[in-house]
PDB file of N, CA and C in Angstrom:
ATOM      1  N   MET A   1     -72.087  -1.159 123.653  1.00  0.00           N
ATOM      2  CA  MET A   1     -71.655   0.042 122.910  1.00  0.00           C
ATOM      3  C   MET A   1     -70.760  -0.352 121.676  1.00  0.00           C
ATOM      4  N   LYS A   2     -71.135  -0.045 120.694  1.00  0.00           N
ATOM      5  CA  LYS A   2     -70.380  -0.034 119.609  1.00  0.00           C
ATOM      6  C   LYS A   2     -69.454   0.680 118.964  1.00  0.00           C
ATOM      7  N   PHE A   3     -68.467   0.727 118.778  1.00  0.00           N
ATOM      8  CA  PHE A   3     -67.548   1.673 118.401  1.00  0.00           C
ATOM      9  C   PHE A   3     -67.197   1.572 116.809  1.00  0.00           C
ATOM     10  N   ARG A   4     -67.176   2.514 116.300  1.00  0.00           N
ATOM     11  CA  ARG A   4     -67.153   2.592 114.877  1.00  0.00           C
ATOM     12  C   ARG A   4     -65.471   3.057 114.390  1.00  0.00           C
ATOM     13  N   TRP A   5     -65.025   2.588 113.507  1.00  0.00           N
ATOM     14  CA  TRP A   5     -63.459   2.843 113.056  1.00  0.00           C
ATOM     15  C   TRP A   5     -63.499   4.372 112.742  1.00  0.00           C
ATOM     16  N   ARG A   6     -64.741   4.502 112.445  1.00  0.00           N
ATOM     17  CA  ARG A   6     -64.391   6.019 111.802  1.00  0.00           C
ATOM     18  C   ARG A   6     -64.081   6.987 113.135  1.00  0.00           C
ATOM     19  N   ASN A   7     -64.975   6.686 114.326  1.00  0.00           N
ATOM     20  CA  ASN A   7     -64.924   7.431 115.555  1.00  0.00           C
ATOM     21  C   ASN A   7     -63.565   7.640 116.275  1.00  0.00           C
ATOM     22  N   ILE A   8     -62.914   5.988 115.984  1.00  0.00           N
ATOM     23  CA  ILE A   8     -61.569   5.731 116.638  1.00  0.00           C
ATOM     24  C   ILE A   8     -60.568   6.711 116.146  1.00  0.00           C
ATOM     25  N   LEU A   9     -60.998   6.757 114.508  1.00  0.00           N
ATOM     26  CA  LEU A   9     -59.765   7.539 113.946  1.00  0.00           C
ATOM     27  C   LEU A   9     -60.111   8.994 113.978  1.00  0.00           C
ATOM     28  N   ILE A  10     -61.226   9.427 114.210  1.00  0.00           N
ATOM     29  CA  ILE A  10     -61.452  10.826 114.456  1.00  0.00           C
ATOM     30  C   ILE A  10     -60.678  11.078 115.719  1.00  0.00           C
ATOM     31  N   VAL A  11     -60.845  10.588 117.156  1.00  0.00           N
ATOM     32  CA  VAL A  11     -60.181  10.657 118.065  1.00  0.00           C
ATOM     33  C   VAL A  11     -58.669  10.731 117.898  1.00  0.00           C
ATOM     34  N   ILE A  12     -58.116   9.538 117.060  1.00  0.00           N
ATOM     35  CA  ILE A  12     -56.605   9.648 116.966  1.00  0.00           C
ATOM     36  C   ILE A  12     -56.190  10.786 116.348  1.00  0.00           C
ATOM     37  N   GLY A  13     -56.984  11.013 115.235  1.00  0.00           N
ATOM     38  CA  GLY A  13     -56.440  12.098 114.479  1.00  0.00           C
ATOM     39  C   GLY A  13     -56.568  13.829 115.222  1.00  0.00           C
ATOM     40  N   LEU A  14     -57.391  13.942 116.418  1.00  0.00           N
ATOM     41  CA  LEU A  14     -57.545  14.537 117.170  1.00  0.00           C
ATOM     42  C   LEU A  14     -56.544  14.910 118.293  1.00  0.00           C
ATOM     43  N   LEU A  15     -56.159  13.709 118.780  1.00  0.00           N
ATOM     44  CA  LEU A  15     -54.775  13.628 119.238  1.00  0.00           C
ATOM     45  C   LEU A  15     -53.597  13.999 118.843  1.00  0.00           C
ATOM     46  N   VAL A  16     -53.579  13.487 117.730  1.00  0.00           N
ATOM     47  CA  VAL A  16     -52.337  13.891 116.669  1.00  0.00           C
ATOM     48  C   VAL A  16     -52.142  15.114 116.499  1.00  0.00           C
ATOM     49  N   ALA A  17     -53.433  16.040 116.223  1.00  0.00           N
ATOM     50  CA  ALA A  17     -53.236  17.278 115.965  1.00  0.00           C
ATOM     51  C   ALA A  17     -53.030  18.195 117.309  1.00  0.00           C
ATOM     52  N   VAL A  18     -53.504  17.438 118.243  1.00  0.00           N
ATOM     53  CA  VAL A  18     -53.019  18.051 119.403  1.00  0.00           C
ATOM     54  C   VAL A  18     -51.718  18.141 119.923  1.00  0.00           C
ATOM     55  N   PHE A  19     -51.217  16.953 119.391  1.00  0.00           N
ATOM     56  CA  PHE A  19     -49.529  16.865 119.924  1.00  0.00           C
ATOM     57  C   PHE A  19     -48.825  17.611 118.722  1.00  0.00           C
ATOM     58  N   LEU A  20     -49.255  17.914 117.625  1.00  0.00           N
ATOM     59  CA  LEU A  20     -48.674  18.797 116.616  1.00  0.00           C
ATOM     60  C   LEU A  20     -48.687  19.990 116.991  1.00  0.00           C
ATOM     61  N   LEU A  21     -49.676  20.457 117.458  1.00  0.00           N
ATOM     62  CA  LEU A  21     -50.321  21.710 117.839  1.00  0.00           C
ATOM     63  C   LEU A  21     -49.289  22.123 119.079  1.00  0.00           C
ATOM     64  N   ILE A  22     -49.006  21.112 120.155  1.00  0.00           N
ATOM     65  CA  ILE A  22     -48.118  21.427 121.510  1.00  0.00           C
ATOM     66  C   ILE A  22     -46.706  21.883 120.718  1.00  0.00           C
ATOM     67  N   ASP A  23     -46.215  20.667 119.904  1.00  0.00           N
ATOM     68  CA  ASP A  23     -44.618  20.709 119.292  1.00  0.00           C
ATOM     69  C   ASP A  23     -44.520  21.863 118.420  1.00  0.00           C
ATOM     70  N   PHE A  24     -45.795  22.444 117.694  1.00  0.00           N
ATOM     71  CA  PHE A  24     -45.366  23.480 116.883  1.00  0.00           C
ATOM     72  C   PHE A  24     -45.140  25.064 118.008  1.00  0.00           C
ATOM     73  N   ASN A  25     -46.092  24.864 119.020  1.00  0.00           N
ATOM     74  CA  ASN A  25     -45.969  25.900 120.024  1.00  0.00           C
ATOM     75  C   ASN A  25     -44.466  25.912 120.464  1.00  0.00           C
ATOM     76  N   ARG A  26     -43.913  24.823 121.032  1.00  0.00           N
ATOM     77  CA  ARG A  26     -42.869  24.650 121.690  1.00  0.00           C
ATOM     78  C   ARG A  26     -41.494  25.494 120.686  1.00  0.00           C
ATOM     79  N   ARG A  27     -41.845  24.729 119.378  1.00  0.00           N
ATOM     80  CA  ARG A  27     -41.016  25.290 118.145  1.00  0.00           C
ATOM     81  C   ARG A  27     -40.742  26.765 117.900  1.00  0.00           C
ATOM     82  N   MET A  28     -42.135  27.295 117.930  1.00  0.00           N
ATOM     83  CA  MET A  28     -42.181  28.844 117.920  1.00  0.00           C
ATOM     84  C   MET A  28     -41.406  29.720 119.220  1.00  0.00           C
ATOM     85  N   GLU A  29     -41.680  29.133 120.501  1.00  0.00           N
ATOM     86  CA  GLU A  29     -41.317  29.494 121.684  1.00  0.00           C
ATOM     87  C   GLU A  29     -39.605  29.482 121.508  1.00  0.00           C
ATOM     88  N   GLN A  30     -39.055  28.506 120.850  1.00  0.00           N
ATOM     89  CA  GLN A  30     -37.666  28.149 120.676  1.00  0.00           C
ATOM     90  C   GLN A  30     -37.392  29.041 119.748  1.00  0.00           C
ATOM     91  N   LEU A  31     -37.791  29.387 118.557  1.00  0.00           N
ATOM     92  CA  LEU A  31     -37.465  30.216 117.634  1.00  0.00           C
ATOM     93  C   LEU A  31     -37.487  31.355 117.950  1.00  0.00           C
ATOM     94  N   ASN A  32     -38.594  32.159 118.909  1.00  0.00           N
ATOM     95  CA  ASN A  32     -38.544  33.679 119.394  1.00  0.00           C
ATOM     96  C   ASN A  32     -37.092  33.484 120.511  1.00  0.00           C
ATOM     97  N   SER A  33     -37.084  32.611 121.222  1.00  0.00           N
ATOM     98  CA  SER A  33     -35.844  32.787 122.059  1.00  0.00           C
ATOM     99  C   SER A  33     -34.571  33.135 121.262  1.00  0.00           C
ATOM    100  N   LEU A  34     -34.503  32.353 120.057  1.00  0.00           N
ATOM    101  CA  LEU A  34     -33.000  32.267 119.097  1.00  0.00           C
ATOM    102  C   LEU A  34     -33.218  33.634 118.561  1.00  0.00           C
ATOM    103  N   THR A  35     -34.527  34.096 118.288  1.00  0.00           N
ATOM    104  CA  THR A  35     -34.337  35.263 117.904  1.00  0.00           C
ATOM    105  C   THR A  35     -33.957  36.646 118.852  1.00  0.00           C
ATOM    106  N   THR A  36     -34.263  36.327 119.730  1.00  0.00           N
ATOM    107  CA  THR A  36     -33.955  37.580 120.493  1.00  0.00           C
ATOM    108  C   THR A  36     -32.322  37.482 120.995  1.00  0.00           C
ATOM    109  N   LYS A  37     -31.934  35.947 120.925  1.00  0.00           N
ATOM    110  CA  LYS A  37     -30.640  35.778 121.141  1.00  0.00           C
ATOM    111  C   LYS A  37     -29.553  36.292 119.982  1.00  0.00           C
ATOM    112  N   LEU A  38     -30.103  36.282 118.900  1.00  0.00           N
ATOM    113  CA  LEU A  38     -29.439  36.646 117.604  1.00  0.00           C
ATOM    114  C   LEU A  38     -29.550  38.504 117.564  1.00  0.00           C
ATOM    115  N   GLN A  39     -30.353  38.977 118.024  1.00  0.00           N
ATOM    116  CA  GLN A  39     -30.622  40.444 117.946  1.00  0.00           C
ATOM    117  C   GLN A  39     -29.698  41.068 118.956  1.00  0.00           C
ATOM    118  N   SER A  40     -29.409  40.218 120.225  1.00  0.00           N
ATOM    119  CA  SER A  40     -28.404  40.732 121.257  1.00  0.00           C
ATOM    120  C   SER A  40     -26.955  40.549 120.699  1.00  0.00           C
ATOM    121  N   VAL A  41     -26.937  39.294 119.999  1.00  0.00           N
ATOM    122  CA  VAL A  41     -25.497  39.184 119.523  1.00  0.00           C
ATOM    123  C   VAL A  41     -25.077  40.242 118.121  1.00  0.00           C
ATOM    124  N   HIS A  42     -26.058  40.560 117.355  1.00  0.00           N
ATOM    125  CA  HIS A  42     -25.954  41.699 116.166  1.00  0.00           C
ATOM    126  C   HIS A  42     -25.432  42.921 117.145  1.00  0.00           C
ATOM    127  N   ALA A  43     -26.515  43.297 118.273  1.00  0.00           N
ATOM    128  CA  ALA A  43     -26.406  44.463 118.830  1.00  0.00           C
ATOM    129  C   ALA A  43     -24.701  44.652 119.471  1.00  0.00           C
ATOM    130  N   GLU A  44     -24.451  43.452 120.322  1.00  0.00           N
ATOM    131  CA  GLU A  44     -23.361  43.353 120.631  1.00  0.00           C
ATOM    132  C   GLU A  44     -22.019  43.667 119.551  1.00  0.00           C
ATOM    133  N   GLY A  45     -22.223  42.812 118.863  1.00  0.00           N
ATOM    134  CA  GLY A  45     -21.427  42.698 117.550  1.00  0.00           C
ATOM    135  C   GLY A  45     -21.219  44.489 116.941  1.00  0.00           C
ATOM    136  N   THR A  46     -22.268  45.209 116.755  1.00  0.00           N
ATOM    137  CA  THR A  46     -22.470  46.571 116.344  1.00  0.00           C
ATOM    138  C   THR A  46     -21.481  47.052 117.396  1.00  0.00           C
ATOM    139  N   SER A  47     -21.831  47.058 118.652  1.00  0.00           N
ATOM    140  CA  SER A  47     -21.054  47.793 119.692  1.00  0.00           C
ATOM    141  C   SER A  47     -19.657  47.514 119.556  1.00  0.00           C
ATOM    142  N   ILE A  48     -19.250  46.283 119.622  1.00  0.00           N
ATOM    143  CA  ILE A  48     -17.949  45.847 119.460  1.00  0.00           C
ATOM    144  C   ILE A  48     -17.268  46.637 117.980  1.00  0.00           C
ATOM    145  N   MET A  49     -17.586  46.535 117.117  1.00  0.00           N
ATOM    146  CA  MET A  49     -17.191  47.128 115.714  1.00  0.00           C
ATOM    147  C   MET A  49     -17.225  48.897 116.147  1.00  0.00           C
ATOM    148  N   GLN A  50     -17.819  49.225 116.516  1.00  0.00           N
ATOM    149  CA  GLN A  50     -17.922  50.895 116.808  1.00  0.00           C
ATOM    150  C   GLN A  50     -16.802  51.262 117.694  1.00  0.00           C
ATOM    151  N   THR A  51     -16.633  50.536 118.741  1.00  0.00           N
ATOM    152  CA  THR A  51     -15.460  50.582 119.652  1.00  0.00           C
ATOM    153  C   THR A  51     -13.902  50.548 118.929  1.00  0.00           C
ATOM    154  N   GLN A  52     -14.052  49.437 118.076  1.00  0.00           N
ATOM    155  CA  GLN A  52     -13.043  49.133 117.354  1.00  0.00           C
ATOM    156  C   GLN A  52     -12.583  50.328 116.081  1.00  0.00           C
ATOM    157  N   GLU A  53     -13.558  50.819 115.650  1.00  0.00           N
ATOM    158  CA  GLU A  53     -13.536  52.091 114.893  1.00  0.00           C
ATOM    159  C   GLU A  53     -13.351  53.112 115.598  1.00  0.00           C
ATOM    160  N   ALA A  54     -13.609  53.378 117.001  1.00  0.00           N
ATOM    161  CA  ALA A  54     -12.986  54.569 117.518  1.00  0.00           C
ATOM    162  C   ALA A  54     -11.917  54.545 118.298  1.00  0.00           C
ATOM    163  N   LEU A  55     -11.241  53.299 118.493  1.00  0.00           N
ATOM    164  CA  LEU A  55      -9.787  52.742 118.782  1.00  0.00           C
ATOM    165  C   LEU A  55      -9.002  53.268 117.535  1.00  0.00           C
ATOM    166  N   VAL A  56      -9.459  52.704 116.552  1.00  0.00           N
ATOM    167  CA  VAL A  56      -8.503  52.881 115.385  1.00  0.00           C
ATOM    168  C   VAL A  56      -8.562  54.638 115.106  1.00  0.00           C
ATOM    169  N   THR A  57      -9.275  55.213 115.258  1.00  0.00           N
ATOM    170  CA  THR A  57      -9.299  56.716 114.994  1.00  0.00           C
ATOM    171  C   THR A  57      -8.551  57.469 115.965  1.00  0.00           C
ATOM    172  N   GLN A  58      -8.694  56.794 117.574  1.00  0.00           N
ATOM    173  CA  GLN A  58      -7.612  57.466 118.496  1.00  0.00           C
ATOM    174  C   GLN A  58      -6.143  57.121 118.116  1.00  0.00           C
ATOM    175  N   VAL A  59      -5.907  55.675 117.760  1.00  0.00           N
ATOM    176  CA  VAL A  59      -4.444  55.434 117.128  1.00  0.00           C
ATOM    177  C   VAL A  59      -3.685  56.295 116.058  1.00  0.00           C
ATOM    178  N   ALA A  60      -4.607  56.472 115.015  1.00  0.00           N
ATOM    179  CA  ALA A  60      -4.703  57.137 113.945  1.00  0.00           C
ATOM    180  C   ALA A  60      -4.153  58.407 114.104  1.00  0.00           C
ATOM    181  N   TYR A  61      -5.210  59.374 115.551  1.00  0.00           N
ATOM    182  CA  TYR A  61      -4.382  60.674 115.740  1.00  0.00           C
ATOM    183  C   TYR A  61      -3.387  60.502 116.644  1.00  0.00           C
ATOM    184  N   ALA A  62      -3.191  59.440 117.410  1.00  0.00           N
ATOM    185  CA  ALA A  62      -1.767  59.591 118.328  1.00  0.00           C
ATOM    186  C   ALA A  62      -0.914  59.339 117.609  1.00  0.00           C
ATOM    187  N   THR A  63      -0.658  58.978 116.530  1.00  0.00           N
ATOM    188  CA  THR A  63       0.495  58.922 115.708  1.00  0.00           C
ATOM    189  C   THR A  63       0.751  59.807 114.615  1.00  0.00           C
ATOM    190  N   SER A  64      -0.114  60.934 114.720  1.00  0.00           N
ATOM    191  CA  SER A  64      -0.122  61.853 113.950  1.00  0.00           C
ATOM    192  C   SER A  64       0.959  63.301 114.336  1.00  0.00           C
ATOM    193  N   ASP A  65       0.947  64.275 113.612  1.00  0.00           N
ATOM    194  CA  ASP A  65       2.051  65.155 114.047  1.00  0.00           C
ATOM    195  C   ASP A  65       1.167  66.093 114.624  1.00  0.00           C
ATOM    196  N   ALA A  66      -0.195  66.430 114.515  1.00  0.00           N
ATOM    197  CA  ALA A  66      -1.071  67.233 115.188  1.00  0.00           C
ATOM    198  C   ALA A  66      -0.946  66.383 117.006  1.00  0.00           C
ATOM    199  N   ALA A  67      -1.062  65.435 117.040  1.00  0.00           N
ATOM    200  CA  ALA A  67      -1.117  64.968 118.314  1.00  0.00           C
ATOM    201  C   ALA A  67       0.271  65.221 119.012  1.00  0.00           C
ATOM    202  N   VAL A  68       1.366  65.105 118.428  1.00  0.00           N
ATOM    203  CA  VAL A  68       2.546  65.546 118.983  1.00  0.00           C
ATOM    204  C   VAL A  68       2.907  66.830 119.302  1.00  0.00           C
ATOM    205  N   GLU A  69       2.532  67.620 118.041  1.00  0.00           N
ATOM    206  CA  GLU A  69       2.273  68.967 118.396  1.00  0.00           C
ATOM    207  C   GLU A  69       1.189  69.739 119.860  1.00  0.00           C
ATOM    208  N   GLN A  70       0.210  69.267 119.967  1.00  0.00           N
ATOM    209  CA  GLN A  70      -0.591  69.234 120.916  1.00  0.00           C
ATOM    210  C   GLN A  70       0.194  68.804 122.266  1.00  0.00           C
ATOM    211  N   TRP A  71       0.730  67.665 122.152  1.00  0.00           N
ATOM    212  CA  TRP A  71       1.220  66.989 123.400  1.00  0.00           C
ATOM    213  C   TRP A  71       2.281  67.894 123.772  1.00  0.00           C
ATOM    214  N   ALA A  72       3.304  68.423 122.932  1.00  0.00           N
ATOM    215  CA  ALA A  72       4.227  69.273 123.420  1.00  0.00           C
ATOM    216  C   ALA A  72       4.044  70.933 123.850  1.00  0.00           C
ATOM    217  N   TYR A  73       2.430  71.257 123.469  1.00  0.00           N
ATOM    218  CA  TYR A  73       2.166  72.586 123.690  1.00  0.00           C
ATOM    219  C   TYR A  73       1.501  72.096 125.279  1.00  0.00           C
ATOM    220  N   GLU A  74       1.101  71.406 125.513  1.00  0.00           N
ATOM    221  CA  GLU A  74       0.441  71.041 126.686  1.00  0.00           C
ATOM    222  C   GLU A  74       1.909  70.826 128.029  1.00  0.00           C
ATOM    223  N   ASP A  75       2.940  70.448 127.411  1.00  0.00           N
ATOM    224  CA  ASP A  75       3.876  70.257 128.329  1.00  0.00           C
ATOM    225  C   ASP A  75       4.831  71.812 128.341  1.00  0.00           C
ATOM    226  N   LYS A  76       4.437  72.645 127.451  1.00  0.00           N
ATOM    227  CA  LYS A  76       4.889  73.960 127.731  1.00  0.00           C
ATOM    228  C   LYS A  76       6.328  73.828 126.732  1.00  0.00           C
ATOM    229  N   TRP A  77       6.407  73.098 125.990  1.00  0.00           N
ATOM    230  CA  TRP A  77       7.924  73.009 124.908  1.00  0.00           C
ATOM    231  C   TRP A  77       7.367  74.161 124.026  1.00  0.00           C
ATOM    232  N   VAL A  78       8.009  74.430 123.196  1.00  0.00           N
ATOM    233  CA  VAL A  78       8.521  75.479 122.153  1.00  0.00           C
ATOM    234  C   VAL A  78       8.786  75.166 120.684  1.00  0.00           C
ATOM    235  N   ARG A  79       8.277  75.528 119.508  1.00  0.00           N
ATOM    236  CA  ARG A  79       8.932  75.326 118.409  1.00  0.00           C
ATOM    237  C   ARG A  79      10.199  75.855 118.024  1.00  0.00           C
ATOM    238  N   VAL A  80      10.785  75.433 117.300  1.00  0.00           N
ATOM    239  CA  VAL A  80      12.108  76.100 116.690  1.00  0.00           C
ATOM    240  C   VAL A  80      11.547  77.491 116.347  1.00  0.00           C
ATOM    241  N   GLY A  81      12.627  78.266 116.510  1.00  0.00           N
ATOM    242  CA  GLY A  81      12.448  79.706 116.249  1.00  0.00           C
ATOM    243  C   GLY A  81      11.339  80.681 117.388  1.00  0.00           C
ATOM    244  N   GLU A  82      10.615  79.937 118.237  1.00  0.00           N
ATOM    245  CA  GLU A  82      10.138  80.764 119.166  1.00  0.00           C
ATOM    246  C   GLU A  82      10.882  80.737 120.551  1.00  0.00           C
ATOM    247  N   HIS A  83      10.349  81.890 121.263  1.00  0.00           N
ATOM    248  CA  HIS A  83      11.236  82.262 122.458  1.00  0.00           C
ATOM    249  C   HIS A  83      10.515  82.063 123.230  1.00  0.00           C
ATOM    250  N   PRO A  84      10.625  81.081 124.394  1.00  0.00           N
ATOM    251  CA  PRO A  84       9.677  80.914 125.524  1.00  0.00           C
ATOM    252  C   PRO A  84       9.628  82.300 126.526  1.00  0.00           C
ATOM    253  N   VAL A  85       8.634  82.470 126.985  1.00  0.00           N
ATOM    254  CA  VAL A  85       8.587  83.733 128.025  1.00  0.00           C
ATOM    255  C   VAL A  85       8.047  83.118 129.253  1.00  0.00           C
ATOM    256  N   GLU A  86       8.305  83.428 130.284  1.00  0.00           N
ATOM    257  CA  GLU A  86       7.989  82.820 131.704  1.00  0.00           C
ATOM    258  C   GLU A  86       7.507  84.138 132.444  1.00  0.00           C
ATOM    259  N   LEU A  87       6.447  84.275 132.978  1.00  0.00           N
ATOM    260  CA  LEU A  87       5.668  85.388 133.403  1.00  0.00           C
ATOM    261  C   LEU A  87       6.379  85.046 134.851  1.00  0.00           C
ATOM    262  N   VAL A  88       6.724  86.282 135.622  1.00  0.00           N
ATOM    263  CA  VAL A  88       7.402  86.163 137.107  1.00  0.00           C
ATOM    264  C   VAL A  88       6.030  86.770 137.725  1.00  0.00           C
ATOM    265  N   PRO A  89       5.562  86.109 138.904  1.00  0.00           N
ATOM    266  CA  PRO A  89       4.449  86.909 139.620  1.00  0.00           C
ATOM    267  C   PRO A  89       4.765  88.275 140.319  1.00  0.00           C
ATOM    268  N   ALA A  90       3.758  88.854 140.414  1.00  0.00           N
ATOM    269  CA  ALA A  90       4.245  90.224 141.042  1.00  0.00           C
ATOM    270  C   ALA A  90       4.304  89.761 142.484  1.00  0.00           C
ATOM    271  N   GLY A  91       5.124  90.774 143.080  1.00  0.00           N
ATOM    272  CA  GLY A  91       4.755  90.790 144.566  1.00  0.00           C
ATOM    273  C   GLY A  91       5.967  91.045 145.269  1.00  0.00           C
ATOM    274  N   SER A  92       6.439  90.478 146.161  1.00  0.00           N
ATOM    275  CA  SER A  92       8.112  91.118 146.838  1.00  0.00           C
ATOM    276  C   SER A  92       8.939  89.782 146.369  1.00  0.00           C
ATOM    277  N   PRO A  93       9.971  90.532 145.811  1.00  0.00           N
ATOM    278  CA  PRO A  93      11.108  89.305 145.492  1.00  0.00           C
ATOM    279  C   PRO A  93      11.590  89.010 146.271  1.00  0.00           C
ATOM    280  N   SER A  94      12.076  87.595 146.392  1.00  0.00           N
ATOM    281  CA  SER A  94      12.967  86.752 147.159  1.00  0.00           C
ATOM    282  C   SER A  94      14.301  87.532 147.179  1.00  0.00           C
ATOM    283  N   ALA A  95      14.901  87.632 148.557  1.00  0.00           N
ATOM    284  CA  ALA A  95      16.161  88.191 148.644  1.00  0.00           C
ATOM    285  C   ALA A  95      17.191  87.091 148.306  1.00  0.00           C
ATOM    286  N   THR A  96      18.307  87.643 147.472  1.00  0.00           N
ATOM    287  CA  THR A  96      19.162  86.695 146.947  1.00  0.00           C
ATOM    288  C   THR A  96      20.084  86.440 148.218  1.00  0.00           C
ATOM    289  N   PRO A  97      20.340  85.173 148.802  1.00  0.00           N
ATOM    290  CA  PRO A  97      20.984  84.684 149.748  1.00  0.00           C
ATOM    291  C   PRO A  97      22.689  85.294 149.702  1.00  0.00           C
ATOM    292  N   VAL A  98      22.871  85.777 150.679  1.00  0.00           N
ATOM    293  CA  VAL A  98      24.142  86.094 151.118  1.00  0.00           C
ATOM    294  C   VAL A  98      25.124  84.814 151.483  1.00  0.00           C
ATOM    295  N   PRO A  99      26.078  84.720 150.615  1.00  0.00           N
ATOM    296  CA  PRO A  99      26.767  83.439 150.842  1.00  0.00           C
ATOM    297  C   PRO A  99      27.792  83.688 152.354  1.00  0.00           C
ATOM    298  N   THR A 100      27.889  83.005 153.095  1.00  0.00           N
ATOM    299  CA  THR A 100      28.777  82.945 154.437  1.00  0.00           C
ATOM    300  C   THR A 100      30.010  82.761 154.287  1.00  0.00           C
ATOM    301  N   PRO A 101      30.939  83.507 154.859  1.00  0.00           N
ATOM    302  CA  PRO A 101      32.480  83.518 154.684  1.00  0.00           C
ATOM    303  C   PRO A 101      32.824  82.461 155.341  1.00  0.00           C
ATOM    304  N   VAL A 102      33.547  81.832 154.677  1.00  0.00           N
ATOM    305  CA  VAL A 102      34.471  80.540 155.074  1.00  0.00           C
ATOM    306  C   VAL A 102      35.791  81.208 156.190  1.00  0.00           C
ATOM    307  N   THR A 103      35.771  80.696 157.099  1.00  0.00           N
ATOM    308  CA  THR A 103      36.939  80.994 158.100  1.00  0.00           C
ATOM    309  C   THR A 103      38.069  80.117 157.685  1.00  0.00           C
ATOM    310  N   ALA A 104      39.192  81.103 157.507  1.00  0.00           N
ATOM    311  CA  ALA A 104      40.311  80.388 156.889  1.00  0.00           C
ATOM    312  C   ALA A 104      40.910  79.265 158.252  1.00  0.00           C
ATOM    313  N   THR A 105      41.156  78.072 158.213  1.00  0.00           N
ATOM    314  CA  THR A 105      41.982  77.363 159.486  1.00  0.00           C
ATOM    315  C   THR A 105      43.316  77.454 159.254  1.00  0.00           C
ATOM    316  N   GLU A 106      43.694  77.401 160.623  1.00  0.00           N
ATOM    317  CA  GLU A 106      44.815  77.717 161.062  1.00  0.00           C
ATOM    318  C   GLU A 106      45.887  76.549 160.641  1.00  0.00           C
ATOM    319  N   ASN A 107      46.764  76.424 159.654  1.00  0.00           N
ATOM    320  CA  ASN A 107      47.724  75.097 159.622  1.00  0.00           C
ATOM    321  C   ASN A 107      48.626  75.026 160.921  1.00  0.00           C
ATOM    322  N   LEU A 108      48.124  73.950 161.429  1.00  0.00           N
ATOM    323  CA  LEU A 108      49.108  73.569 162.634  1.00  0.00           C
ATOM    324  C   LEU A 108      50.134  72.405 162.284  1.00  0.00           C
ATOM    325  N   PRO A 109      51.196  72.369 162.908  1.00  0.00           N
ATOM    326  CA  PRO A 109      52.373  71.282 162.417  1.00  0.00           C
ATOM    327  C   PRO A 109      51.808  69.995 163.167  1.00  0.00           C
ATOM    328  N   ASN A 110      52.180  68.899 162.891  1.00  0.00           N
ATOM    329  CA  ASN A 110      51.831  67.579 163.129  1.00  0.00           C
ATOM    330  C   ASN A 110      51.965  67.255 164.575  1.00  0.00           C
ATOM    331  N   TRP A 111      53.298  67.864 165.215  1.00  0.00           N
ATOM    332  CA  TRP A 111      53.417  67.570 166.718  1.00  0.00           C
ATOM    333  C   TRP A 111      52.639  68.251 167.530  1.00  0.00           C
ATOM    334  N   ARG A 112      51.847  69.504 167.139  1.00  0.00           N
ATOM    335  CA  ARG A 112      50.889  70.297 167.785  1.00  0.00           C
ATOM    336  C   ARG A 112      49.807  69.506 167.870  1.00  0.00           C
ATOM    337  N   ILE A 113      49.431  69.074 166.365  1.00  0.00           N
ATOM    338  CA  ILE A 113      47.778  68.095 166.204  1.00  0.00           C
ATOM    339  C   ILE A 113      47.859  66.970 167.293  1.00  0.00           C
ATOM    340  N   TRP A 114      49.395  66.385 167.442  1.00  0.00           N
ATOM    341  CA  TRP A 114      49.239  65.165 168.303  1.00  0.00           C
ATOM    342  C   TRP A 114      49.117  65.580 169.841  1.00  0.00           C
ATOM    343  N   MET A 115      49.916  66.510 170.031  1.00  0.00           N
ATOM    344  CA  MET A 115      49.880  66.847 171.596  1.00  0.00           C
ATOM    345  C   MET A 115      48.293  67.216 172.037  1.00  0.00           C
ATOM    346  N   GLU A 116      47.405  68.267 171.229  1.00  0.00           N
ATOM    347  CA  GLU A 116      46.269  68.485 171.368  1.00  0.00           C
ATOM    348  C   GLU A 116      45.500  67.159 171.814  1.00  0.00           C
ATOM    349  N   LEU A 117      45.758  66.386 170.795  1.00  0.00           N
ATOM    350  CA  LEU A 117      45.141  65.054 170.701  1.00  0.00           C
ATOM    351  C   LEU A 117      45.056  64.194 172.177  1.00  0.00           C
ATOM    352  N   PHE A 118      46.274  64.031 172.638  1.00  0.00           N
ATOM    353  CA  PHE A 118      46.807  63.374 173.766  1.00  0.00           C
ATOM    354  C   PHE A 118      46.423  64.109 174.991  1.00  0.00           C
ATOM    355  N   PHE A 119      46.662  65.358 174.922  1.00  0.00           N
ATOM    356  CA  PHE A 119      46.589  66.324 176.413  1.00  0.00           C
ATOM    357  C   PHE A 119      45.848  67.153 176.396  1.00  0.00           C
ATOM    358  N   GLY A 120      44.806  67.344 175.233  1.00  0.00           N
ATOM    359  CA  GLY A 120      43.814  68.264 175.149  1.00  0.00           C
ATOM    360  C   GLY A 120      43.994  69.714 174.717  1.00  0.00           C
ATOM    361  N   SER A 121      43.495  70.602 174.406  1.00  0.00           N
ATOM    362  CA  SER A 121      43.626  71.854 174.055  1.00  0.00           C
ATOM    363  C   SER A 121      44.008  72.882 175.154  1.00  0.00           C
ATOM    364  N   ASN A 122      44.711  74.057 174.942  1.00  0.00           N
ATOM    365  CA  ASN A 122      45.202  74.902 175.862  1.00  0.00           C
ATOM    366  C   ASN A 122      44.606  75.752 176.159  1.00  0.00           C
TER     367      ASN A 122
END
């Protein structure tokens, strides 16, 4: 069987074309993977930027006079010139405690205190 140079070059050309096609396919898969990762990073970056904007807004509100005023009213503070009114619940009022009278102690002379200490009380 006689081989022609032309046939050999065609076979080599087909092999090179197959290798180039395989390499092209590999590079396309890599491009798709990197594109997916890029979109993921863009989405994460957008989310982080939105979070930062929300936090900056919260900080701006927290340092404003309106936030201080809201906090004061939540803790039942009042403004200057206002008179706080506290509502007493209806029902039976609690009785005012009556102070117990203090009994006056008898002042004893020192010799009597010592005598009771050693010999007991009479």
